[in-house]
Structures are given as structure tokens and as C-alpha cells.
mmCIF file of all heavy atoms, coordinates in Angstrom:
data_MODEL
# 
_entry.id   MODEL 
# 
loop_
_atom_site.group_PDB 
_atom_site.id 
_atom_site.type_symbol 
_atom_site.label_atom_id 
_atom_site.label_alt_id 
_atom_site.label_comp_id 
_atom_site.label_asym_id 
_atom_site.label_entity_id 
_atom_site.label_seq_id 
_atom_site.pdbx_PDB_ins_code 
_atom_site.Cartn_x 
_atom_site.Cartn_y 
_atom_site.Cartn_z 
_atom_site.occupancy 
_atom_site.B_iso_or_equiv 
_atom_site.pdbx_formal_charge 
_atom_site.auth_seq_id 
_atom_site.auth_comp_id 
_atom_site.auth_asym_id 
_atom_site.auth_atom_id 
_atom_site.pdbx_PDB_model_num 
ATOM 1   N N   . LEU A 1 1  ? -47.352 -42.325 -66.102 1.00 0.00 ? 1  LEU A N   1 
ATOM 2   C CA  . LEU A 1 1  ? -47.267 -42.293 -67.559 1.00 0.00 ? 1  LEU A CA  1 
ATOM 3   C C   . LEU A 1 1  ? -48.661 -42.211 -68.175 1.00 0.00 ? 1  LEU A C   1 
ATOM 4   O O   . LEU A 1 1  ? -48.902 -41.447 -69.109 1.00 0.00 ? 1  LEU A O   1 
ATOM 5   C CB  . LEU A 1 1  ? -46.524 -43.528 -68.060 1.00 0.00 ? 1  LEU A CB  1 
ATOM 6   C CG  . LEU A 1 1  ? -46.231 -43.599 -69.564 1.00 0.00 ? 1  LEU A CG  1 
ATOM 7   C CD1 . LEU A 1 1  ? -45.370 -42.418 -69.989 1.00 0.00 ? 1  LEU A CD1 1 
ATOM 8   C CD2 . LEU A 1 1  ? -45.542 -44.918 -69.897 1.00 0.00 ? 1  LEU A CD2 1 
ATOM 9   N N   . ALA A 1 2  ? -49.595 -43.001 -67.634 1.00 0.00 ? 2  ALA A N   1 
ATOM 10  C CA  . ALA A 1 2  ? -50.962 -43.001 -68.162 1.00 0.00 ? 2  ALA A CA  1 
ATOM 11  C C   . ALA A 1 2  ? -51.625 -41.641 -67.954 1.00 0.00 ? 2  ALA A C   1 
ATOM 12  O O   . ALA A 1 2  ? -52.347 -41.150 -68.838 1.00 0.00 ? 2  ALA A O   1 
ATOM 13  C CB  . ALA A 1 2  ? -51.775 -44.098 -67.478 1.00 0.00 ? 2  ALA A CB  1 
ATOM 14  N N   . LEU A 1 3  ? -51.371 -41.025 -66.800 1.00 0.00 ? 3  LEU A N   1 
ATOM 15  C CA  . LEU A 1 3  ? -51.953 -39.706 -66.523 1.00 0.00 ? 3  LEU A CA  1 
ATOM 16  C C   . LEU A 1 3  ? -51.434 -38.671 -67.513 1.00 0.00 ? 3  LEU A C   1 
ATOM 17  O O   . LEU A 1 3  ? -52.203 -37.865 -68.053 1.00 0.00 ? 3  LEU A O   1 
ATOM 18  C CB  . LEU A 1 3  ? -51.616 -39.286 -65.092 1.00 0.00 ? 3  LEU A CB  1 
ATOM 19  C CG  . LEU A 1 3  ? -51.983 -37.848 -64.697 1.00 0.00 ? 3  LEU A CG  1 
ATOM 20  C CD1 . LEU A 1 3  ? -53.476 -37.610 -64.861 1.00 0.00 ? 3  LEU A CD1 1 
ATOM 21  C CD2 . LEU A 1 3  ? -51.552 -37.560 -63.266 1.00 0.00 ? 3  LEU A CD2 1 
ATOM 22  N N   . ILE A 1 4  ? -50.130 -38.685 -67.778 1.00 0.00 ? 4  ILE A N   1 
ATOM 23  C CA  . ILE A 1 4  ? -49.553 -37.726 -68.721 1.00 0.00 ? 4  ILE A CA  1 
ATOM 24  C C   . ILE A 1 4  ? -50.167 -37.907 -70.103 1.00 0.00 ? 4  ILE A C   1 
ATOM 25  O O   . ILE A 1 4  ? -50.529 -36.932 -70.782 1.00 0.00 ? 4  ILE A O   1 
ATOM 26  C CB  . ILE A 1 4  ? -48.021 -37.891 -68.776 1.00 0.00 ? 4  ILE A CB  1 
ATOM 27  C CG1 . ILE A 1 4  ? -47.395 -37.471 -67.443 1.00 0.00 ? 4  ILE A CG1 1 
ATOM 28  C CG2 . ILE A 1 4  ? -47.426 -37.063 -69.911 1.00 0.00 ? 4  ILE A CG2 1 
ATOM 29  C CD1 . ILE A 1 4  ? -45.915 -37.769 -67.337 1.00 0.00 ? 4  ILE A CD1 1 
ATOM 30  N N   . LYS A 1 5  ? -50.304 -39.155 -70.538 1.00 0.00 ? 5  LYS A N   1 
ATOM 31  C CA  . LYS A 1 5  ? -50.867 -39.410 -71.861 1.00 0.00 ? 5  LYS A CA  1 
ATOM 32  C C   . LYS A 1 5  ? -52.319 -38.936 -71.947 1.00 0.00 ? 5  LYS A C   1 
ATOM 33  O O   . LYS A 1 5  ? -52.744 -38.383 -72.968 1.00 0.00 ? 5  LYS A O   1 
ATOM 34  C CB  . LYS A 1 5  ? -50.780 -40.899 -72.190 1.00 0.00 ? 5  LYS A CB  1 
ATOM 35  C CG  . LYS A 1 5  ? -49.351 -41.374 -72.478 1.00 0.00 ? 5  LYS A CG  1 
ATOM 36  C CD  . LYS A 1 5  ? -49.312 -42.859 -72.814 1.00 0.00 ? 5  LYS A CD  1 
ATOM 37  C CE  . LYS A 1 5  ? -47.899 -43.302 -73.173 1.00 0.00 ? 5  LYS A CE  1 
ATOM 38  N NZ  . LYS A 1 5  ? -47.829 -44.753 -73.489 1.00 0.00 ? 5  LYS A NZ  1 
ATOM 39  N N   . ARG A 1 6  ? -53.089 -39.148 -70.875 1.00 0.00 ? 6  ARG A N   1 
ATOM 40  C CA  . ARG A 1 6  ? -54.488 -38.692 -70.880 1.00 0.00 ? 6  ARG A CA  1 
ATOM 41  C C   . ARG A 1 6  ? -54.557 -37.170 -71.007 1.00 0.00 ? 6  ARG A C   1 
ATOM 42  O O   . ARG A 1 6  ? -55.394 -36.633 -71.736 1.00 0.00 ? 6  ARG A O   1 
ATOM 43  C CB  . ARG A 1 6  ? -55.206 -39.142 -69.605 1.00 0.00 ? 6  ARG A CB  1 
ATOM 44  C CG  . ARG A 1 6  ? -55.563 -40.598 -69.554 1.00 0.00 ? 6  ARG A CG  1 
ATOM 45  C CD  . ARG A 1 6  ? -56.671 -40.865 -68.540 1.00 0.00 ? 6  ARG A CD  1 
ATOM 46  N NE  . ARG A 1 6  ? -56.321 -40.406 -67.203 1.00 0.00 ? 6  ARG A NE  1 
ATOM 47  C CZ  . ARG A 1 6  ? -55.673 -41.143 -66.313 1.00 0.00 ? 6  ARG A CZ  1 
ATOM 48  N NH1 . ARG A 1 6  ? -55.282 -42.371 -66.634 1.00 0.00 ? 6  ARG A NH1 1 
ATOM 49  N NH2 . ARG A 1 6  ? -55.412 -40.666 -65.119 1.00 0.00 ? 6  ARG A NH2 1 
ATOM 50  N N   . GLU A 1 7  ? -53.688 -36.479 -70.271 1.00 0.00 ? 7  GLU A N   1 
ATOM 51  C CA  . GLU A 1 7  ? -53.680 -35.017 -70.338 1.00 0.00 ? 7  GLU A CA  1 
ATOM 52  C C   . GLU A 1 7  ? -53.303 -34.553 -71.737 1.00 0.00 ? 7  GLU A C   1 
ATOM 53  O O   . GLU A 1 7  ? -53.911 -33.620 -72.280 1.00 0.00 ? 7  GLU A O   1 
ATOM 54  C CB  . GLU A 1 7  ? -52.689 -34.458 -69.303 1.00 0.00 ? 7  GLU A CB  1 
ATOM 55  C CG  . GLU A 1 7  ? -53.089 -34.676 -67.853 1.00 0.00 ? 7  GLU A CG  1 
ATOM 56  C CD  . GLU A 1 7  ? -54.289 -33.846 -67.464 1.00 0.00 ? 7  GLU A CD  1 
ATOM 57  O OE1 . GLU A 1 7  ? -54.325 -32.653 -67.802 1.00 0.00 ? 7  GLU A OE1 1 
ATOM 58  O OE2 . GLU A 1 7  ? -55.213 -34.392 -66.831 1.00 0.00 ? 7  GLU A OE2 1 
ATOM 59  N N   . GLN A 1 8  ? -52.307 -35.179 -72.323 1.00 0.00 ? 8  GLN A N   1 
ATOM 60  C CA  . GLN A 1 8  ? -51.853 -34.771 -73.648 1.00 0.00 ? 8  GLN A CA  1 
ATOM 61  C C   . GLN A 1 8  ? -52.885 -35.073 -74.720 1.00 0.00 ? 8  GLN A C   1 
ATOM 62  O O   . GLN A 1 8  ? -53.030 -34.320 -75.686 1.00 0.00 ? 8  GLN A O   1 
ATOM 63  C CB  . GLN A 1 8  ? -50.523 -35.453 -73.977 1.00 0.00 ? 8  GLN A CB  1 
ATOM 64  C CG  . GLN A 1 8  ? -49.359 -34.932 -73.133 1.00 0.00 ? 8  GLN A CG  1 
ATOM 65  C CD  . GLN A 1 8  ? -48.091 -35.732 -73.310 1.00 0.00 ? 8  GLN A CD  1 
ATOM 66  O OE1 . GLN A 1 8  ? -48.138 -36.931 -73.633 1.00 0.00 ? 8  GLN A OE1 1 
ATOM 67  N NE2 . GLN A 1 8  ? -46.951 -35.114 -73.078 1.00 0.00 ? 8  GLN A NE2 1 
ATOM 68  N N   . GLU A 1 9  ? -53.613 -36.174 -74.563 1.00 0.00 ? 9  GLU A N   1 
ATOM 69  C CA  . GLU A 1 9  ? -54.674 -36.496 -75.511 1.00 0.00 ? 9  GLU A CA  1 
ATOM 70  C C   . GLU A 1 9  ? -55.778 -35.447 -75.479 1.00 0.00 ? 9  GLU A C   1 
ATOM 71  O O   . GLU A 1 9  ? -56.491 -35.257 -76.463 1.00 0.00 ? 9  GLU A O   1 
ATOM 72  C CB  . GLU A 1 9  ? -55.244 -37.883 -75.203 1.00 0.00 ? 9  GLU A CB  1 
ATOM 73  C CG  . GLU A 1 9  ? -54.298 -39.025 -75.595 1.00 0.00 ? 9  GLU A CG  1 
ATOM 74  C CD  . GLU A 1 9  ? -54.752 -40.366 -75.042 1.00 0.00 ? 9  GLU A CD  1 
ATOM 75  O OE1 . GLU A 1 9  ? -55.818 -40.395 -74.362 1.00 0.00 ? 9  GLU A OE1 1 
ATOM 76  O OE2 . GLU A 1 9  ? -54.053 -41.368 -75.261 1.00 0.00 ? 9  GLU A OE2 1 
ATOM 77  N N   . GLY A 1 10 ? -55.885 -34.755 -74.346 1.00 0.00 ? 10 GLY A N   1 
ATOM 78  C CA  . GLY A 1 10 ? -56.868 -33.681 -74.234 1.00 0.00 ? 10 GLY A CA  1 
ATOM 79  C C   . GLY A 1 10 ? -56.343 -32.351 -74.744 1.00 0.00 ? 10 GLY A C   1 
ATOM 80  O O   . GLY A 1 10 ? -56.984 -31.315 -74.546 1.00 0.00 ? 10 GLY A O   1 
ATOM 81  N N   . GLY A 1 11 ? -55.160 -32.365 -75.358 1.00 0.00 ? 11 GLY A N   1 
ATOM 82  C CA  . GLY A 1 11 ? -54.600 -31.150 -75.945 1.00 0.00 ? 11 GLY A CA  1 
ATOM 83  C C   . GLY A 1 11 ? -53.836 -30.287 -74.967 1.00 0.00 ? 11 GLY A C   1 
ATOM 84  O O   . GLY A 1 11 ? -53.559 -29.116 -75.257 1.00 0.00 ? 11 GLY A O   1 
ATOM 85  N N   . ARG A 1 12 ? -53.465 -30.848 -73.808 1.00 0.00 ? 12 ARG A N   1 
ATOM 86  C CA  . ARG A 1 12 ? -52.752 -30.060 -72.802 1.00 0.00 ? 12 ARG A CA  1 
ATOM 87  C C   . ARG A 1 12 ? -51.265 -30.412 -72.785 1.00 0.00 ? 12 ARG A C   1 
ATOM 88  O O   . ARG A 1 12 ? -50.883 -31.549 -73.067 1.00 0.00 ? 12 ARG A O   1 
ATOM 89  C CB  . ARG A 1 12 ? -53.362 -30.291 -71.417 1.00 0.00 ? 12 ARG A CB  1 
ATOM 90  C CG  . ARG A 1 12 ? -54.761 -29.728 -71.275 1.00 0.00 ? 12 ARG A CG  1 
ATOM 91  C CD  . ARG A 1 12 ? -55.349 -30.016 -69.911 1.00 0.00 ? 12 ARG A CD  1 
ATOM 92  N NE  . ARG A 1 12 ? -55.777 -31.402 -69.802 1.00 0.00 ? 12 ARG A NE  1 
ATOM 93  C CZ  . ARG A 1 12 ? -56.981 -31.853 -70.133 1.00 0.00 ? 12 ARG A CZ  1 
ATOM 94  N NH1 . ARG A 1 12 ? -57.872 -31.008 -70.625 1.00 0.00 ? 12 ARG A NH1 1 
ATOM 95  N NH2 . ARG A 1 12 ? -57.294 -33.119 -70.005 1.00 0.00 ? 12 ARG A NH2 1 
ATOM 96  N N   . LEU A 1 13 ? -50.437 -29.418 -72.423 1.00 0.00 ? 13 LEU A N   1 
ATOM 97  C CA  . LEU A 1 13 ? -49.007 -29.634 -72.241 1.00 0.00 ? 13 LEU A CA  1 
ATOM 98  C C   . LEU A 1 13 ? -48.743 -29.933 -70.768 1.00 0.00 ? 13 LEU A C   1 
ATOM 99  O O   . LEU A 1 13 ? -49.310 -29.289 -69.883 1.00 0.00 ? 13 LEU A O   1 
ATOM 100 C CB  . LEU A 1 13 ? -48.202 -28.408 -72.670 1.00 0.00 ? 13 LEU A CB  1 
ATOM 101 C CG  . LEU A 1 13 ? -48.262 -28.028 -74.152 1.00 0.00 ? 13 LEU A CG  1 
ATOM 102 C CD1 . LEU A 1 13 ? -47.331 -26.857 -74.434 1.00 0.00 ? 13 LEU A CD1 1 
ATOM 103 C CD2 . LEU A 1 13 ? -47.889 -29.199 -75.031 1.00 0.00 ? 13 LEU A CD2 1 
ATOM 104 N N   . VAL A 1 14 ? -47.878 -30.901 -70.509 1.00 0.00 ? 14 VAL A N   1 
ATOM 105 C CA  . VAL A 1 14 ? -47.671 -31.402 -69.157 1.00 0.00 ? 14 VAL A CA  1 
ATOM 106 C C   . VAL A 1 14 ? -46.214 -31.216 -68.743 1.00 0.00 ? 14 VAL A C   1 
ATOM 107 O O   . VAL A 1 14 ? -45.297 -31.457 -69.524 1.00 0.00 ? 14 VAL A O   1 
ATOM 108 C CB  . VAL A 1 14 ? -48.043 -32.899 -69.061 1.00 0.00 ? 14 VAL A CB  1 
ATOM 109 C CG1 . VAL A 1 14 ? -47.858 -33.420 -67.641 1.00 0.00 ? 14 VAL A CG1 1 
ATOM 110 C CG2 . VAL A 1 14 ? -49.480 -33.119 -69.522 1.00 0.00 ? 14 VAL A CG2 1 
ATOM 111 N N   . ALA A 1 15 ? -46.015 -30.804 -67.488 1.00 0.00 ? 15 ALA A N   1 
ATOM 112 C CA  . ALA A 1 15 ? -44.674 -30.702 -66.907 1.00 0.00 ? 15 ALA A CA  1 
ATOM 113 C C   . ALA A 1 15 ? -44.614 -31.544 -65.648 1.00 0.00 ? 15 ALA A C   1 
ATOM 114 O O   . ALA A 1 15 ? -45.602 -31.642 -64.902 1.00 0.00 ? 15 ALA A O   1 
ATOM 115 C CB  . ALA A 1 15 ? -44.335 -29.253 -66.582 1.00 0.00 ? 15 ALA A CB  1 
ATOM 116 N N   . MET A 1 16 ? -43.461 -32.177 -65.402 1.00 0.00 ? 16 MET A N   1 
ATOM 117 C CA  . MET A 1 16 ? -43.302 -32.965 -64.179 1.00 0.00 ? 16 MET A CA  1 
ATOM 118 C C   . MET A 1 16 ? -41.826 -33.039 -63.815 1.00 0.00 ? 16 MET A C   1 
ATOM 119 O O   . MET A 1 16 ? -40.947 -32.714 -64.617 1.00 0.00 ? 16 MET A O   1 
ATOM 120 C CB  . MET A 1 16 ? -43.867 -34.377 -64.347 1.00 0.00 ? 16 MET A CB  1 
ATOM 121 C CG  . MET A 1 16 ? -43.031 -35.295 -65.223 1.00 0.00 ? 16 MET A CG  1 
ATOM 122 S SD  . MET A 1 16 ? -43.405 -37.044 -64.950 1.00 0.00 ? 16 MET A SD  1 
ATOM 123 C CE  . MET A 1 16 ? -42.678 -37.324 -63.336 1.00 0.00 ? 16 MET A CE  1 
ATOM 124 N N   . THR A 1 17 ? -41.563 -33.447 -62.576 1.00 0.00 ? 17 THR A N   1 
ATOM 125 C CA  . THR A 1 17 ? -40.192 -33.666 -62.119 1.00 0.00 ? 17 THR A CA  1 
ATOM 126 C C   . THR A 1 17 ? -40.024 -35.138 -61.746 1.00 0.00 ? 17 THR A C   1 
ATOM 127 O O   . THR A 1 17 ? -40.999 -35.845 -61.487 1.00 0.00 ? 17 THR A O   1 
ATOM 128 C CB  . THR A 1 17 ? -39.866 -32.814 -60.880 1.00 0.00 ? 17 THR A CB  1 
ATOM 129 O OG1 . THR A 1 17 ? -40.749 -33.188 -59.809 1.00 0.00 ? 17 THR A OG1 1 
ATOM 130 C CG2 . THR A 1 17 ? -40.017 -31.347 -61.171 1.00 0.00 ? 17 THR A CG2 1 
ATOM 131 N N   . GLY A 1 18 ? -38.760 -35.584 -61.698 1.00 0.00 ? 18 GLY A N   1 
ATOM 132 C CA  . GLY A 1 18 ? -38.478 -36.954 -61.296 1.00 0.00 ? 18 GLY A CA  1 
ATOM 133 C C   . GLY A 1 18 ? -36.990 -37.143 -61.085 1.00 0.00 ? 18 GLY A C   1 
ATOM 134 O O   . GLY A 1 18 ? -36.171 -36.337 -61.546 1.00 0.00 ? 18 GLY A O   1 
ATOM 135 N N   . ASP A 1 19 ? -36.625 -38.206 -60.379 1.00 0.00 ? 19 ASP A N   1 
ATOM 136 C CA  . ASP A 1 19 ? -35.198 -38.447 -60.134 1.00 0.00 ? 19 ASP A CA  1 
ATOM 137 C C   . ASP A 1 19 ? -34.793 -39.910 -60.284 1.00 0.00 ? 19 ASP A C   1 
ATOM 138 O O   . ASP A 1 19 ? -33.605 -40.218 -60.345 1.00 0.00 ? 19 ASP A O   1 
ATOM 139 C CB  . ASP A 1 19 ? -34.789 -37.946 -58.752 1.00 0.00 ? 19 ASP A CB  1 
ATOM 140 C CG  . ASP A 1 19 ? -35.580 -38.622 -57.629 1.00 0.00 ? 19 ASP A CG  1 
ATOM 141 O OD1 . ASP A 1 19 ? -36.423 -39.500 -57.928 1.00 0.00 ? 19 ASP A OD1 1 
ATOM 142 O OD2 . ASP A 1 19 ? -35.349 -38.275 -56.457 1.00 0.00 ? 19 ASP A OD2 1 
ATOM 143 N N   . GLY A 1 20 ? -35.757 -40.801 -60.340 1.00 0.00 ? 20 GLY A N   1 
ATOM 144 C CA  . GLY A 1 20 ? -35.428 -42.225 -60.369 1.00 0.00 ? 20 GLY A CA  1 
ATOM 145 C C   . GLY A 1 20 ? -35.548 -42.834 -61.753 1.00 0.00 ? 20 GLY A C   1 
ATOM 146 O O   . GLY A 1 20 ? -36.146 -42.264 -62.666 1.00 0.00 ? 20 GLY A O   1 
ATOM 147 N N   . THR A 1 21 ? -34.975 -44.022 -61.883 1.00 0.00 ? 21 THR A N   1 
ATOM 148 C CA  . THR A 1 21 ? -35.083 -44.753 -63.148 1.00 0.00 ? 21 THR A CA  1 
ATOM 149 C C   . THR A 1 21 ? -36.539 -45.022 -63.492 1.00 0.00 ? 21 THR A C   1 
ATOM 150 O O   . THR A 1 21 ? -36.941 -44.991 -64.659 1.00 0.00 ? 21 THR A O   1 
ATOM 151 C CB  . THR A 1 21 ? -34.304 -46.071 -63.047 1.00 0.00 ? 21 THR A CB  1 
ATOM 152 O OG1 . THR A 1 21 ? -32.932 -45.779 -62.763 1.00 0.00 ? 21 THR A OG1 1 
ATOM 153 C CG2 . THR A 1 21 ? -34.386 -46.859 -64.344 1.00 0.00 ? 21 THR A CG2 1 
ATOM 154 N N   . ASN A 1 22 ? -37.359 -45.269 -62.442 1.00 0.00 ? 22 ASN A N   1 
ATOM 155 C CA  . ASN A 1 22 ? -38.777 -45.541 -62.704 1.00 0.00 ? 22 ASN A CA  1 
ATOM 156 C C   . ASN A 1 22 ? -39.542 -44.294 -63.147 1.00 0.00 ? 22 ASN A C   1 
ATOM 157 O O   . ASN A 1 22 ? -40.675 -44.386 -63.607 1.00 0.00 ? 22 ASN A O   1 
ATOM 158 C CB  . ASN A 1 22 ? -39.448 -46.164 -61.471 1.00 0.00 ? 22 ASN A CB  1 
ATOM 159 C CG  . ASN A 1 22 ? -39.394 -45.253 -60.253 1.00 0.00 ? 22 ASN A CG  1 
ATOM 160 O OD1 . ASN A 1 22 ? -38.782 -44.190 -60.294 1.00 0.00 ? 22 ASN A OD1 1 
ATOM 161 N ND2 . ASN A 1 22 ? -40.009 -45.676 -59.179 1.00 0.00 ? 22 ASN A ND2 1 
ATOM 162 N N   . ASP A 1 23 ? -38.916 -43.103 -63.006 1.00 0.00 ? 23 ASP A N   1 
ATOM 163 C CA  . ASP A 1 23 ? -39.547 -41.872 -63.493 1.00 0.00 ? 23 ASP A CA  1 
ATOM 164 C C   . ASP A 1 23 ? -39.210 -41.598 -64.953 1.00 0.00 ? 23 ASP A C   1 
ATOM 165 O O   . ASP A 1 23 ? -39.811 -40.718 -65.575 1.00 0.00 ? 23 ASP A O   1 
ATOM 166 C CB  . ASP A 1 23 ? -39.081 -40.671 -62.654 1.00 0.00 ? 23 ASP A CB  1 
ATOM 167 C CG  . ASP A 1 23 ? -39.640 -40.685 -61.243 1.00 0.00 ? 23 ASP A CG  1 
ATOM 168 O OD1 . ASP A 1 23 ? -40.795 -41.110 -61.080 1.00 0.00 ? 23 ASP A OD1 1 
ATOM 169 O OD2 . ASP A 1 23 ? -38.915 -40.292 -60.311 1.00 0.00 ? 23 ASP A OD2 1 
ATOM 170 N N   . ALA A 1 24 ? -38.217 -42.303 -65.499 1.00 0.00 ? 24 ALA A N   1 
ATOM 171 C CA  . ALA A 1 24 ? -37.718 -42.005 -66.837 1.00 0.00 ? 24 ALA A CA  1 
ATOM 172 C C   . ALA A 1 24 ? -38.809 -42.047 -67.916 1.00 0.00 ? 24 ALA A C   1 
ATOM 173 O O   . ALA A 1 24 ? -38.882 -41.134 -68.750 1.00 0.00 ? 24 ALA A O   1 
ATOM 174 C CB  . ALA A 1 24 ? -36.569 -42.936 -67.196 1.00 0.00 ? 24 ALA A CB  1 
ATOM 175 N N   . PRO A 1 25 ? -39.678 -43.072 -67.950 1.00 0.00 ? 25 PRO A N   1 
ATOM 176 C CA  . PRO A 1 25 ? -40.716 -43.080 -68.994 1.00 0.00 ? 25 PRO A CA  1 
ATOM 177 C C   . PRO A 1 25 ? -41.624 -41.857 -68.937 1.00 0.00 ? 25 PRO A C   1 
ATOM 178 O O   . PRO A 1 25 ? -41.955 -41.274 -69.979 1.00 0.00 ? 25 PRO A O   1 
ATOM 179 C CB  . PRO A 1 25 ? -41.491 -44.374 -68.713 1.00 0.00 ? 25 PRO A CB  1 
ATOM 180 C CG  . PRO A 1 25 ? -40.523 -45.243 -67.969 1.00 0.00 ? 25 PRO A CG  1 
ATOM 181 C CD  . PRO A 1 25 ? -39.724 -44.310 -67.134 1.00 0.00 ? 25 PRO A CD  1 
ATOM 182 N N   . ALA A 1 26 ? -42.025 -41.461 -67.723 1.00 0.00 ? 26 ALA A N   1 
ATOM 183 C CA  . ALA A 1 26 ? -42.906 -40.303 -67.582 1.00 0.00 ? 26 ALA A CA  1 
ATOM 184 C C   . ALA A 1 26 ? -42.174 -39.013 -67.939 1.00 0.00 ? 26 ALA A C   1 
ATOM 185 O O   . ALA A 1 26 ? -42.745 -38.118 -68.571 1.00 0.00 ? 26 ALA A O   1 
ATOM 186 C CB  . ALA A 1 26 ? -43.448 -40.227 -66.153 1.00 0.00 ? 26 ALA A CB  1 
ATOM 187 N N   . LEU A 1 27 ? -40.898 -38.894 -67.551 1.00 0.00 ? 27 LEU A N   1 
ATOM 188 C CA  . LEU A 1 27 ? -40.112 -37.704 -67.893 1.00 0.00 ? 27 LEU A CA  1 
ATOM 189 C C   . LEU A 1 27 ? -39.967 -37.571 -69.403 1.00 0.00 ? 27 LEU A C   1 
ATOM 190 O O   . LEU A 1 27 ? -40.026 -36.463 -69.954 1.00 0.00 ? 27 LEU A O   1 
ATOM 191 C CB  . LEU A 1 27 ? -38.728 -37.773 -67.243 1.00 0.00 ? 27 LEU A CB  1 
ATOM 192 C CG  . LEU A 1 27 ? -38.656 -37.519 -65.740 1.00 0.00 ? 27 LEU A CG  1 
ATOM 193 C CD1 . LEU A 1 27 ? -37.264 -37.844 -65.212 1.00 0.00 ? 27 LEU A CD1 1 
ATOM 194 C CD2 . LEU A 1 27 ? -39.016 -36.069 -65.422 1.00 0.00 ? 27 LEU A CD2 1 
ATOM 195 N N   . ALA A 1 28 ? -39.753 -38.691 -70.075 1.00 0.00 ? 28 ALA A N   1 
ATOM 196 C CA  . ALA A 1 28 ? -39.616 -38.666 -71.527 1.00 0.00 ? 28 ALA A CA  1 
ATOM 197 C C   . ALA A 1 28 ? -40.936 -38.309 -72.204 1.00 0.00 ? 28 ALA A C   1 
ATOM 198 O O   . ALA A 1 28 ? -40.953 -37.642 -73.242 1.00 0.00 ? 28 ALA A O   1 
ATOM 199 C CB  . ALA A 1 28 ? -39.118 -40.020 -72.025 1.00 0.00 ? 28 ALA A CB  1 
ATOM 200 N N   . GLN A 1 29 ? -42.056 -38.728 -71.628 1.00 0.00 ? 29 GLN A N   1 
ATOM 201 C CA  . GLN A 1 29 ? -43.363 -38.467 -72.220 1.00 0.00 ? 29 GLN A CA  1 
ATOM 202 C C   . GLN A 1 29 ? -43.820 -37.034 -71.980 1.00 0.00 ? 29 GLN A C   1 
ATOM 203 O O   . GLN A 1 29 ? -44.498 -36.441 -72.820 1.00 0.00 ? 29 GLN A O   1 
ATOM 204 C CB  . GLN A 1 29 ? -44.394 -39.440 -71.626 1.00 0.00 ? 29 GLN A CB  1 
ATOM 205 C CG  . GLN A 1 29 ? -45.799 -39.287 -72.174 1.00 0.00 ? 29 GLN A CG  1 
ATOM 206 C CD  . GLN A 1 29 ? -45.905 -39.688 -73.640 1.00 0.00 ? 29 GLN A CD  1 
ATOM 207 O OE1 . GLN A 1 29 ? -45.230 -40.612 -74.084 1.00 0.00 ? 29 GLN A OE1 1 
ATOM 208 N NE2 . GLN A 1 29 ? -46.736 -38.992 -74.397 1.00 0.00 ? 29 GLN A NE2 1 
# 
């Protein structure tokens, strides 16, 4: 989640995959 936010703060669009409940916050971000 922190990595995605850092990338987005730099003006970049981020894509990722996930399958678990613990991936949900990052998938939503």
C-alpha cells in the first residue's frame, strides 16, 4: 500500500494484481 501511494504521489498510475483479503487495501488504492 505504501509503495502504491509513493508512486501515485509522484504522478504515476499504478496497476497490480491480488487475490487475498490482505491485498484488498492495495487493490483499492
